[in-house]
C-alpha cells in the first residue's frame, strides 16, 4: 500500500489533493517535520477498527485462568481510621 507524506501547510492549502492521495493509501501529515496525523479513507478505517477486540472480549476471563495458582496472604495488621485535625 503506497503512502504519501504532506506537511500541515500542504494539507491546509489543498485538502482535495490529500483526499485523492488517501484513496491509494495512508497520507501522513507532518508538523515541523514529524508525523502527527494520518488521513485514511473511511473504508480503510473501518477495516482497521474491525480487527480490534471489543471491551467485552478484553475483559472476558481467558480459558484456563481458573487454574492459575494465585493466593493472597492473610494480613495480621488491623486497619485504624485516619485522624484529621
PDB file of N, CA and C in Angstrom:
ATOM      1  N   UNK A   1       0.857  -1.174   0.000  1.00  0.00           N
ATOM      2  CA  UNK A   1       0.000   0.000   0.000  1.00  0.00           C
ATOM      3  C   UNK A   1       0.903   1.237   0.000  1.00  0.00           C
ATOM      4  N   UNK A   2       0.844   2.055  -1.043  1.00  0.00           N
ATOM      5  CA  UNK A   2       1.694   3.248  -1.095  1.00  0.00           C
ATOM      6  C   UNK A   2       1.250   4.291  -0.071  1.00  0.00           C
ATOM      7  N   UNK A   3       2.203   5.047   0.420  1.00  0.00           N
ATOM      8  CA  UNK A   3       1.892   6.121   1.366  1.00  0.00           C
ATOM      9  C   UNK A   3       2.399   7.441   0.802  1.00  0.00           C
ATOM     10  N   UNK A   4       1.815   8.516   1.283  1.00  0.00           N
ATOM     11  CA  UNK A   4       2.222   9.852   0.869  1.00  0.00           C
ATOM     12  C   UNK A   4       2.404  10.685   2.122  1.00  0.00           C
ATOM     13  N   UNK A   5       3.308  11.623   2.073  1.00  0.00           N
ATOM     14  CA  UNK A   5       3.555  12.498   3.207  1.00  0.00           C
ATOM     15  C   UNK A   5       3.325  13.937   2.775  1.00  0.00           C
ATOM     16  N   UNK A   6       2.564  14.670   3.590  1.00  0.00           N
ATOM     17  CA  UNK A   6       2.297  16.083   3.340  1.00  0.00           C
ATOM     18  C   UNK A   6       2.619  16.876   4.599  1.00  0.00           C
ATOM     19  N   UNK A   7       3.081  18.100   4.408  1.00  0.00           N
ATOM     20  CA  UNK A   7       3.241  18.974   5.560  1.00  0.00           C
ATOM     21  C   UNK A   7       1.862  19.519   5.929  1.00  0.00           C
ATOM     22  N   UNK A   8       1.734  20.037   7.124  1.00  0.00           N
ATOM     23  CA  UNK A   8       0.460  20.633   7.541  1.00  0.00           C
ATOM     24  C   UNK A   8       0.066  21.755   6.598  1.00  0.00           C
ATOM     25  N   UNK A   9       1.033  22.529   6.178  1.00  0.00           N
ATOM     26  CA  UNK A   9       0.763  23.639   5.260  1.00  0.00           C
ATOM     27  C   UNK A   9       0.221  23.123   3.936  1.00  0.00           C
ATOM     28  N   UNK A  10       0.852  22.073   3.379  1.00  0.00           N
ATOM     29  CA  UNK A  10       0.367  21.494   2.120  1.00  0.00           C
ATOM     30  C   UNK A  10      -1.045  20.948   2.288  1.00  0.00           C
ATOM     31  N   UNK A  11      -1.287  20.298   3.413  1.00  0.00           N
ATOM     32  CA  UNK A  11      -2.621  19.751   3.676  1.00  0.00           C
ATOM     33  C   UNK A  11      -3.657  20.862   3.737  1.00  0.00           C
ATOM     34  N   UNK A  12      -3.354  21.942   4.463  1.00  0.00           N
ATOM     35  CA  UNK A  12      -4.294  23.054   4.597  1.00  0.00           C
ATOM     36  C   UNK A  12      -4.555  23.752   3.271  1.00  0.00           C
ATOM     37  N   UNK A  13      -3.565  23.830   2.419  1.00  0.00           N
ATOM     38  CA  UNK A  13      -3.723  24.518   1.130  1.00  0.00           C
ATOM     39  C   UNK A  13      -4.487  23.690   0.107  1.00  0.00           C
ATOM     40  N   UNK A  14      -4.391  22.357   0.212  1.00  0.00           N
ATOM     41  CA  UNK A  14      -5.014  21.532  -0.817  1.00  0.00           C
ATOM     42  C   UNK A  14      -5.523  20.220  -0.213  1.00  0.00           C
ATOM     43  N   UNK A  15      -6.640  20.317   0.482  1.00  0.00           N
ATOM     44  CA  UNK A  15      -7.198  19.103   1.092  1.00  0.00           C
ATOM     45  C   UNK A  15      -7.689  18.121   0.029  1.00  0.00           C
ATOM     46  N   UNK A  16      -8.099  18.635  -1.113  1.00  0.00           N
ATOM     47  CA  UNK A  16      -8.551  17.754  -2.196  1.00  0.00           C
ATOM     48  C   UNK A  16      -7.442  16.819  -2.648  1.00  0.00           C
ATOM     49  N   UNK A  17      -6.222  17.334  -2.744  1.00  0.00           N
ATOM     50  CA  UNK A  17      -5.074  16.514  -3.123  1.00  0.00           C
ATOM     51  C   UNK A  17      -4.830  15.427  -2.068  1.00  0.00           C
ATOM     52  N   UNK A  18      -4.971  15.786  -0.795  1.00  0.00           N
ATOM     53  CA  UNK A  18      -4.779  14.810   0.289  1.00  0.00           C
ATOM     54  C   UNK A  18      -5.850  13.730   0.227  1.00  0.00           C
ATOM     55  N   UNK A  19      -7.095  14.116  -0.016  1.00  0.00           N
ATOM     56  CA  UNK A  19      -8.178  13.139  -0.102  1.00  0.00           C
ATOM     57  C   UNK A  19      -7.968  12.199  -1.282  1.00  0.00           C
ATOM     58  N   UNK A  20      -7.534  12.716  -2.400  1.00  0.00           N
ATOM     59  CA  UNK A  20      -7.270  11.885  -3.572  1.00  0.00           C
ATOM     60  C   UNK A  20      -6.132  10.912  -3.274  1.00  0.00           C
ATOM     61  N   UNK A  21      -5.082  11.393  -2.618  1.00  0.00           N
ATOM     62  CA  UNK A  21      -3.947  10.540  -2.274  1.00  0.00           C
ATOM     63  C   UNK A  21      -4.368   9.449  -1.291  1.00  0.00           C
ATOM     64  N   UNK A  22      -5.301   9.741  -0.386  1.00  0.00           N
ATOM     65  CA  UNK A  22      -5.759   8.758   0.602  1.00  0.00           C
ATOM     66  C   UNK A  22      -6.486   7.593  -0.054  1.00  0.00           C
ATOM     67  N   UNK A  23      -6.988   7.781  -1.272  1.00  0.00           N
ATOM     68  CA  UNK A  23      -7.621   6.670  -1.988  1.00  0.00           C
ATOM     69  C   UNK A  23      -6.613   5.596  -2.356  1.00  0.00           C
ATOM     70  N   UNK A  24      -5.327   5.945  -2.395  1.00  0.00           N
ATOM     71  CA  UNK A  24      -4.270   4.999  -2.751  1.00  0.00           C
ATOM     72  C   UNK A  24      -3.518   4.462  -1.538  1.00  0.00           C
ATOM     73  N   UNK A  25      -3.787   4.996  -0.363  1.00  0.00           N
ATOM     74  CA  UNK A  25      -3.098   4.548   0.846  1.00  0.00           C
ATOM     75  C   UNK A  25      -3.066   5.667   1.874  1.00  0.00           C
ATOM     76  N   UNK A  26      -2.534   5.395   3.047  1.00  0.00           N
ATOM     77  CA  UNK A  26      -2.498   6.401   4.116  1.00  0.00           C
ATOM     78  C   UNK A  26      -1.688   7.629   3.712  1.00  0.00           C
ATOM     79  N   UNK A  27      -2.127   8.781   4.199  1.00  0.00           N
ATOM     80  CA  UNK A  27      -1.416  10.037   3.976  1.00  0.00           C
ATOM     81  C   UNK A  27      -0.933  10.521   5.339  1.00  0.00           C
ATOM     82  N   UNK A  28       0.385  10.624   5.494  1.00  0.00           N
ATOM     83  CA  UNK A  28       0.968  11.117   6.737  1.00  0.00           C
ATOM     84  C   UNK A  28       1.075  12.630   6.665  1.00  0.00           C
ATOM     85  N   UNK A  29       0.565  13.291   7.683  1.00  0.00           N
ATOM     86  CA  UNK A  29       0.613  14.755   7.750  1.00  0.00           C
ATOM     87  C   UNK A  29       1.600  15.118   8.845  1.00  0.00           C
ATOM     88  N   UNK A  30       2.567  15.943   8.506  1.00  0.00           N
ATOM     89  CA  UNK A  30       3.629  16.275   9.440  1.00  0.00           C
ATOM     90  C   UNK A  30       3.478  17.681  10.007  1.00  0.00           C
ATOM     91  N   UNK A  31       3.946  17.847  11.222  1.00  0.00           N
ATOM     92  CA  UNK A  31       4.086  19.149  11.873  1.00  0.00           C
ATOM     93  C   UNK A  31       5.550  19.295  12.242  1.00  0.00           C
ATOM     94  N   UNK A  32       6.168  20.320  11.694  1.00  0.00           N
ATOM     95  CA  UNK A  32       7.594  20.575  11.950  1.00  0.00           C
ATOM     96  C   UNK A  32       8.457  19.343  11.657  1.00  0.00           C
ATOM     97  N   UNK A  33       8.130  18.652  10.584  1.00  0.00           N
ATOM     98  CA  UNK A  33       8.923  17.521  10.135  1.00  0.00           C
ATOM     99  C   UNK A  33       8.618  16.189  10.802  1.00  0.00           C
ATOM    100  N   UNK A  34       7.739  16.182  11.792  1.00  0.00           N
ATOM    101  CA  UNK A  34       7.411  14.936  12.483  1.00  0.00           C
ATOM    102  C   UNK A  34       5.987  14.511  12.146  1.00  0.00           C
ATOM    103  N   UNK A  35       5.771  13.224  11.834  1.00  0.00           N
ATOM    104  CA  UNK A  35       4.410  12.756  11.554  1.00  0.00           C
ATOM    105  C   UNK A  35       3.496  12.998  12.757  1.00  0.00           C
ATOM    106  N   UNK A  36       2.326  13.589  12.496  1.00  0.00           N
ATOM    107  CA  UNK A  36       1.413  13.881  13.603  1.00  0.00           C
ATOM    108  C   UNK A  36      -0.013  13.401  13.338  1.00  0.00           C
ATOM    109  N   UNK A  37      -0.373  13.199  12.096  1.00  0.00           N
ATOM    110  CA  UNK A  37      -1.720  12.737  11.751  1.00  0.00           C
ATOM    111  C   UNK A  37      -1.625  11.775  10.579  1.00  0.00           C
ATOM    112  N   UNK A  38      -2.661  10.925  10.448  1.00  0.00           N
ATOM    113  CA  UNK A  38      -2.771  10.032   9.299  1.00  0.00           C
ATOM    114  C   UNK A  38      -4.168  10.177   8.734  1.00  0.00           C
ATOM    115  N   UNK A  39      -4.256  10.406   7.450  1.00  0.00           N
ATOM    116  CA  UNK A  39      -5.535  10.512   6.758  1.00  0.00           C
ATOM    117  C   UNK A  39      -5.791   9.196   6.035  1.00  0.00           C
ATOM    118  N   UNK A  40      -6.952   8.595   6.328  1.00  0.00           N
ATOM    119  CA  UNK A  40      -7.356   7.334   5.706  1.00  0.00           C
ATOM    120  C   UNK A  40      -8.729   7.485   5.088  1.00  0.00           C
ATOM    121  N   UNK A  41      -9.039   6.630   4.136  1.00  0.00           N
ATOM    122  CA  UNK A  41     -10.423   6.566   3.683  1.00  0.00           C
ATOM    123  C   UNK A  41     -11.239   5.922   4.802  1.00  0.00           C
ATOM    124  N   UNK A  42     -12.533   6.165   4.796  1.00  0.00           N
ATOM    125  CA  UNK A  42     -13.377   5.590   5.836  1.00  0.00           C
ATOM    126  C   UNK A  42     -13.385   4.071   5.743  1.00  0.00           C
ATOM    127  N   UNK A  43     -13.331   3.538   4.539  1.00  0.00           N
ATOM    128  CA  UNK A  43     -13.301   2.076   4.363  1.00  0.00           C
ATOM    129  C   UNK A  43     -12.039   1.483   4.998  1.00  0.00           C
ATOM    130  N   UNK A  44     -10.891   2.146   4.817  1.00  0.00           N
ATOM    131  CA  UNK A  44      -9.656   1.665   5.440  1.00  0.00           C
ATOM    132  C   UNK A  44      -9.750   1.750   6.958  1.00  0.00           C
ATOM    133  N   UNK A  45     -10.328   2.827   7.460  1.00  0.00           N
ATOM    134  CA  UNK A  45     -10.508   2.980   8.913  1.00  0.00           C
ATOM    135  C   UNK A  45     -11.395   1.859   9.463  1.00  0.00           C
ATOM    136  N   UNK A  46     -12.505   1.580   8.794  1.00  0.00           N
ATOM    137  CA  UNK A  46     -13.406   0.525   9.255  1.00  0.00           C
ATOM    138  C   UNK A  46     -12.704  -0.829   9.266  1.00  0.00           C
ATOM    139  N   UNK A  47     -11.896  -1.087   8.253  1.00  0.00           N
ATOM    140  CA  UNK A  47     -11.162  -2.347   8.184  1.00  0.00           C
ATOM    141  C   UNK A  47     -10.204  -2.463   9.364  1.00  0.00           C
ATOM    142  N   UNK A  48      -9.510  -1.384   9.698  1.00  0.00           N
ATOM    143  CA  UNK A  48      -8.587  -1.407  10.835  1.00  0.00           C
ATOM    144  C   UNK A  48      -9.330  -1.529  12.164  1.00  0.00           C
ATOM    145  N   UNK A  49     -10.428  -0.813  12.305  1.00  0.00           N
ATOM    146  CA  UNK A  49     -11.183  -0.823  13.558  1.00  0.00           C
ATOM    147  C   UNK A  49     -11.889  -2.153  13.776  1.00  0.00           C
ATOM    148  N   UNK A  50     -12.242  -2.843  12.712  1.00  0.00           N
ATOM    149  CA  UNK A  50     -12.965  -4.113  12.836  1.00  0.00           C
ATOM    150  C   UNK A  50     -12.097  -5.200  13.442  1.00  0.00           C
ATOM    151  N   UNK A  51     -10.785  -5.086  13.343  1.00  0.00           N
ATOM    152  CA  UNK A  51      -9.886  -6.108  13.862  1.00  0.00           C
ATOM    153  C   UNK A  51      -9.600  -5.951  15.343  1.00  0.00           C
ATOM    154  N   UNK A  52     -10.108  -4.905  15.956  1.00  0.00           N
ATOM    155  CA  UNK A  52      -9.854  -4.670  17.368  1.00  0.00           C
ATOM    156  C   UNK A  52     -10.889  -5.403  18.213  1.00  0.00           C
ATOM    157  N   UNK A  53     -10.449  -5.999  19.301  1.00  0.00           N
ATOM    158  CA  UNK A  53     -11.419  -6.689  20.168  1.00  0.00           C
ATOM    159  C   UNK A  53     -12.302  -5.685  20.903  1.00  0.00           C
ATOM    160  N   UNK A  54     -13.513  -6.100  21.217  1.00  0.00           N
ATOM    161  CA  UNK A  54     -14.415  -5.230  21.970  1.00  0.00           C
ATOM    162  C   UNK A  54     -14.003  -5.229  23.437  1.00  0.00           C
ATOM    163  N   UNK A  55     -14.528  -4.294  24.201  1.00  0.00           N
ATOM    164  CA  UNK A  55     -14.231  -4.226  25.628  1.00  0.00           C
ATOM    165  C   UNK A  55     -14.695  -5.495  26.329  1.00  0.00           C
ATOM    166  N   UNK A  56     -15.780  -6.082  25.866  1.00  0.00           N
ATOM    167  CA  UNK A  56     -16.283  -7.330  26.443  1.00  0.00           C
ATOM    168  C   UNK A  56     -15.251  -8.446  26.249  1.00  0.00           C
ATOM    169  N   UNK A  57     -14.686  -8.516  25.049  1.00  0.00           N
ATOM    170  CA  UNK A  57     -13.679  -9.543  24.774  1.00  0.00           C
ATOM    171  C   UNK A  57     -12.414  -9.319  25.599  1.00  0.00           C
ATOM    172  N   UNK A  58     -12.038  -8.056  25.783  1.00  0.00           N
ATOM    173  CA  UNK A  58     -10.839  -7.750  26.560  1.00  0.00           C
ATOM    174  C   UNK A  58     -11.004  -8.107  28.031  1.00  0.00           C
ATOM    175  N   UNK A  59     -12.220  -7.959  28.547  1.00  0.00           N
ATOM    176  CA  UNK A  59     -12.468  -8.221  29.957  1.00  0.00           C
ATOM    177  C   UNK A  59     -12.842  -9.675  30.248  1.00  0.00           C
ATOM    178  N   UNK A  60     -13.111 -10.430  29.211  1.00  0.00           N
ATOM    179  CA  UNK A  60     -13.513 -11.833  29.403  1.00  0.00           C
ATOM    180  C   UNK A  60     -12.368 -12.623  30.028  1.00  0.00           C
ATOM    181  N   UNK A  61     -12.722 -13.552  30.887  1.00  0.00           N
ATOM    182  CA  UNK A  61     -11.721 -14.388  31.531  1.00  0.00           C
ATOM    183  C   UNK A  61     -11.140 -15.349  30.512  1.00  0.00           C
ATOM    184  N   UNK A  62      -9.829 -15.348  30.364  1.00  0.00           N
ATOM    185  CA  UNK A  62      -9.239 -16.266  29.384  1.00  0.00           C
ATOM    186  C   UNK A  62      -9.421 -17.723  29.813  1.00  0.00           C
ATOM    187  N   UNK A  63      -9.508 -18.580  28.854  1.00  0.00           N
ATOM    188  CA  UNK A  63      -9.673 -20.004  29.124  1.00  0.00           C
ATOM    189  C   UNK A  63      -8.471 -20.515  29.909  1.00  0.00           C
ATOM    190  N   UNK A  64      -8.734 -21.264  30.973  1.00  0.00           N
ATOM    191  CA  UNK A  64      -7.662 -21.818  31.787  1.00  0.00           C
ATOM    192  C   UNK A  64      -7.222 -20.920  32.923  1.00  0.00           C
ATOM    193  N   UNK A  65      -7.784 -19.718  33.027  1.00  0.00           N
ATOM    194  CA  UNK A  65      -7.358 -18.789  34.077  1.00  0.00           C
ATOM    195  C   UNK A  65      -7.706 -19.303  35.465  1.00  0.00           C
ATOM    196  N   UNK A  66      -8.728 -20.141  35.550  1.00  0.00           N
ATOM    197  CA  UNK A  66      -9.118 -20.670  36.863  1.00  0.00           C
ATOM    198  C   UNK A  66      -8.053 -21.605  37.434  1.00  0.00           C
ATOM    199  N   UNK A  67      -7.148 -22.082  36.594  1.00  0.00           N
ATOM    200  CA  UNK A  67      -6.110 -22.990  37.047  1.00  0.00           C
ATOM    201  C   UNK A  67      -4.827 -22.273  37.474  1.00  0.00           C
ATOM    202  N   UNK A  68      -4.796 -20.972  37.341  1.00  0.00           N
ATOM    203  CA  UNK A  68      -3.609 -20.220  37.745  1.00  0.00           C
ATOM    204  C   UNK A  68      -3.585 -20.153  39.266  1.00  0.00           C
ATOM    205  N   UNK A  69      -2.471 -20.542  39.868  1.00  0.00           N
ATOM    206  CA  UNK A  69      -2.356 -20.518  41.316  1.00  0.00           C
ATOM    207  C   UNK A  69      -2.054 -19.115  41.824  1.00  0.00           C
ATOM    208  N   UNK A  70      -3.059 -18.413  42.275  1.00  0.00           N
ATOM    209  CA  UNK A  70      -2.875 -17.060  42.796  1.00  0.00           C
ATOM    210  C   UNK A  70      -3.525 -16.999  44.168  1.00  0.00           C
ATOM    211  N   UNK A  71      -2.694 -16.866  45.191  1.00  0.00           N
ATOM    212  CA  UNK A  71      -3.204 -16.824  46.559  1.00  0.00           C
ATOM    213  C   UNK A  71      -2.650 -15.582  47.245  1.00  0.00           C
ATOM    214  N   UNK A  72      -3.506 -14.869  47.906  1.00  0.00           N
ATOM    215  CA  UNK A  72      -3.062 -13.679  48.649  1.00  0.00           C
ATOM    216  C   UNK A  72      -2.928 -14.042  50.117  1.00  0.00           C
ATOM    217  N   UNK A  73      -1.845 -13.616  50.738  1.00  0.00           N
ATOM    218  CA  UNK A  73      -1.673 -13.937  52.151  1.00  0.00           C
ATOM    219  C   UNK A  73      -2.639 -13.124  53.009  1.00  0.00           C
ATOM    220  N   UNK A  74      -3.086 -13.732  54.091  1.00  0.00           N
ATOM    221  CA  UNK A  74      -3.957 -13.021  55.026  1.00  0.00           C
ATOM    222  C   UNK A  74      -3.116 -12.024  55.805  1.00  0.00           C
ATOM    223  N   UNK A  75      -3.643 -10.852  56.021  1.00  0.00           N
ATOM    224  CA  UNK A  75      -2.930  -9.821  56.762  1.00  0.00           C
ATOM    225  C   UNK A  75      -3.258  -9.921  58.241  1.00  0.00           C
ATOM    226  N   UNK A  76      -2.224  -9.782  59.071  1.00  0.00           N
ATOM    227  CA  UNK A  76      -2.450  -9.794  60.517  1.00  0.00           C
ATOM    228  C   UNK A  76      -2.575  -8.372  61.071  1.00  0.00           C
ATOM    229  N   UNK A  77      -2.385  -7.385  60.217  1.00  0.00           N
ATOM    230  CA  UNK A  77      -2.486  -5.990  60.645  1.00  0.00           C
ATOM    231  C   UNK A  77      -3.944  -5.551  60.726  1.00  0.00           C
ATOM    232  N   UNK A  78      -4.217  -4.718  61.716  1.00  0.00           N
ATOM    233  CA  UNK A  78      -5.560  -4.188  61.878  1.00  0.00           C
ATOM    234  C   UNK A  78      -5.557  -2.750  61.377  1.00  0.00           C
ATOM    235  N   UNK A  79      -6.454  -2.451  60.505  1.00  0.00           N
ATOM    236  CA  UNK A  79      -6.550  -1.088  59.972  1.00  0.00           C
ATOM    237  C   UNK A  79      -7.136  -0.161  61.023  1.00  0.00           C
ATOM    238  N   UNK A  80      -6.595   1.023  61.110  1.00  0.00           N
ATOM    239  CA  UNK A  80      -7.140   2.042  62.034  1.00  0.00           C
ATOM    240  C   UNK A  80      -7.606   3.228  61.221  1.00  0.00           C
ATOM    241  N   UNK A  81      -8.639   3.902  61.688  1.00  0.00           N
ATOM    242  CA  UNK A  81      -9.134   5.057  60.942  1.00  0.00           C
ATOM    243  C   UNK A  81      -8.120   6.200  60.957  1.00  0.00           C
ATOM    244  N   UNK A  82      -8.112   6.972  59.897  1.00  0.00           N
ATOM    245  CA  UNK A  82      -7.227   8.137  59.821  1.00  0.00           C
ATOM    246  C   UNK A  82      -7.728   9.218  60.754  1.00  0.00           C
ATOM    247  N   UNK A  83      -6.782   9.969  61.304  1.00  0.00           N
ATOM    248  CA  UNK A  83      -7.144  11.082  62.191  1.00  0.00           C
ATOM    249  C   UNK A  83      -6.880  12.394  61.463  1.00  0.00           C
ATOM    250  N   UNK A  84      -7.869  13.257  61.424  1.00  0.00           N
ATOM    251  CA  UNK A  84      -7.754  14.555  60.781  1.00  0.00           C
ATOM    252  C   UNK A  84      -7.881  15.628  61.842  1.00  0.00           C
ATOM    253  N   UNK A  85      -7.028  16.589  61.793  1.00  0.00           N
ATOM    254  CA  UNK A  85      -7.104  17.700  62.767  1.00  0.00           C
ATOM    255  C   UNK A  85      -7.936  18.834  62.239  1.00  0.00           C
TER     256      UNK A  85
END
